[in-house]
Amino acid sequence: MSLTAMDLVKRAKSEINEISCEEATSMLDSATVIDVREPAEYEAGHIANALPIPRGMLEFSLNSHPSLTNLEQAIIVYCKSGGRSALAAQTLQTMGYQHVYSIAGGFDAWLQTNN
């Protein structure tokens, strides 16, 4: 059986914790935020203090960020619309991170909520 990218995203979303923009806002002071979009997307605008770690480099970049050494630290991930961040959240969980959240609707939803 062959799976599409959207099949993988759907599966990931069934295994992760998606949160609203409002919930993410309430967690910003106590969570590490990771923007998994590409560098040009990050440069065009991002959530304050978000770590820019593109989805394709996530697994390889975690050790270079001191704020990501604690597997019990709350982590919020986001992308443009929620697909890449769902996959990233699933990966982080697989790697042992225990409190991982993906922003439903991604940065697009964040902009709508916070503008």
Protein backbone atom coordinates (compact mmCIF):
# COMPACT_ATOMS: atom_id res chain seq x y z
CA MET A 1 0.00 0.00 0.00
CA SER A 2 1.32 3.38 -1.02
CA LEU A 3 0.84 6.45 1.19
CA THR A 4 0.72 10.08 0.10
CA ALA A 5 2.18 12.99 2.02
CA MET A 6 -1.32 13.89 3.18
CA ASP A 7 -1.84 10.32 4.42
CA LEU A 8 1.30 10.68 6.52
CA VAL A 9 0.14 14.05 7.87
CA LYS A 10 -3.28 12.60 8.73
CA ARG A 11 -1.62 9.72 10.57
CA ALA A 12 0.70 12.08 12.42
CA LYS A 13 -2.20 14.31 13.47
CA SER A 14 -3.91 11.28 15.00
CA GLU A 15 -0.81 10.65 17.14
CA ILE A 16 0.13 14.16 18.30
CA ASN A 17 -1.29 16.98 20.39
CA GLU A 18 -2.58 19.85 18.27
CA ILE A 19 -3.29 23.07 20.10
CA SER A 20 -5.02 26.30 19.17
CA CYS A 21 -3.19 29.58 18.75
CA GLU A 22 -4.72 30.75 22.02
CA GLU A 23 -3.37 27.70 23.84
CA ALA A 24 0.04 28.23 22.27
CA THR A 25 0.05 31.87 23.36
CA SER A 26 -0.63 30.85 26.96
CA MET A 27 2.35 28.46 26.84
CA LEU A 28 4.94 30.76 25.24
CA ASP A 29 6.62 31.71 28.53
CA SER A 30 7.23 28.08 29.50
CA ALA A 31 7.77 26.30 26.16
CA THR A 32 10.45 26.17 23.52
CA VAL A 33 8.99 27.14 20.14
CA ILE A 34 10.36 25.64 16.93
CA ASP A 35 9.56 27.02 13.47
CA VAL A 36 10.03 24.10 11.04
CA ARG A 37 9.53 26.17 7.89
CA GLU A 38 12.33 26.95 5.45
CA PRO A 39 14.73 29.85 6.22
CA ALA A 40 13.10 32.26 3.75
CA GLU A 41 9.69 31.62 5.34
CA TYR A 42 11.13 32.25 8.80
CA GLU A 43 12.80 35.48 7.66
CA ALA A 44 9.49 36.72 6.23
CA GLY A 45 7.95 36.53 9.72
CA HIS A 46 7.84 34.22 12.72
CA ILE A 47 6.66 33.85 16.30
CA ALA A 48 8.94 35.80 18.65
CA ASN A 49 11.85 33.74 20.00
CA ALA A 50 11.06 30.73 17.81
CA LEU A 51 14.05 28.58 16.93
CA PRO A 52 14.42 28.26 13.15
CA ILE A 53 14.94 24.55 12.48
CA PRO A 54 13.70 23.46 9.03
CA ARG A 55 11.73 20.21 9.03
CA GLY A 56 14.34 18.48 6.88
CA MET A 57 17.08 19.20 9.44
CA LEU A 58 15.12 18.67 12.65
CA GLU A 59 16.52 15.31 13.75
CA PHE A 60 20.08 16.48 13.06
CA SER A 61 19.77 19.88 14.74
CA LEU A 62 18.32 19.05 18.15
CA ASN A 63 21.67 18.55 19.89
CA SER A 64 22.90 21.99 18.85
CA HIS A 65 20.21 23.78 20.88
CA PRO A 66 20.73 23.75 24.67
CA SER A 67 17.02 24.45 25.21
CA LEU A 68 16.21 21.09 23.59
CA THR A 69 18.30 18.79 25.79
CA ASN A 70 15.51 18.26 28.34
CA LEU A 71 13.09 15.64 27.00
CA GLU A 72 10.44 16.86 29.45
CA GLN A 73 10.52 20.47 28.24
CA ALA A 74 7.31 21.63 26.56
CA ILE A 75 7.90 22.14 22.84
CA ILE A 76 5.57 23.92 20.43
CA VAL A 77 6.18 23.39 16.71
CA TYR A 78 4.61 25.20 13.79
CA CYS A 79 4.90 25.53 10.04
CA LYS A 80 2.82 27.39 7.46
CA SER A 81 -0.44 25.45 7.76
CA GLY A 82 0.13 22.50 10.11
CA GLY A 83 1.33 19.60 7.95
CA ARG A 84 5.09 19.83 8.43
CA SER A 85 4.67 20.65 12.10
CA ALA A 86 2.47 17.57 12.60
CA LEU A 87 5.22 15.41 11.08
CA ALA A 88 7.83 17.23 13.18
CA ALA A 89 5.81 16.75 16.37
CA GLN A 90 5.47 13.04 15.62
CA THR A 91 9.24 12.80 15.08
CA LEU A 92 9.99 14.64 18.32
CA GLN A 93 7.72 12.25 20.20
CA THR A 94 9.44 9.28 18.58
CA MET A 95 12.78 10.74 19.69
CA GLY A 96 11.58 10.81 23.31
CA TYR A 97 10.24 14.33 23.83
CA GLN A 98 7.28 14.00 26.14
CA HIS A 99 5.40 17.31 25.86
CA VAL A 100 5.18 18.22 22.18
CA TYR A 101 2.44 20.36 20.66
CA SER A 102 1.72 21.44 17.09
CA ILE A 103 -0.18 24.64 16.37
CA ALA A 104 -3.35 23.77 14.46
CA GLY A 105 -3.41 25.78 11.24
CA GLY A 106 0.24 26.80 11.60
CA PHE A 107 1.61 30.29 11.11
CA ASP A 108 -1.30 31.19 8.84
CA ALA A 109 -3.69 30.64 11.74
CA TRP A 110 -1.29 32.45 14.10
CA LEU A 111 -1.34 35.53 11.89
CA GLN A 112 -5.14 35.50 11.68
CA THR A 113 -5.45 35.16 15.46
CA ASN A 114 -2.78 37.71 16.39
CA ASN A 115 -3.49 40.50 13.90
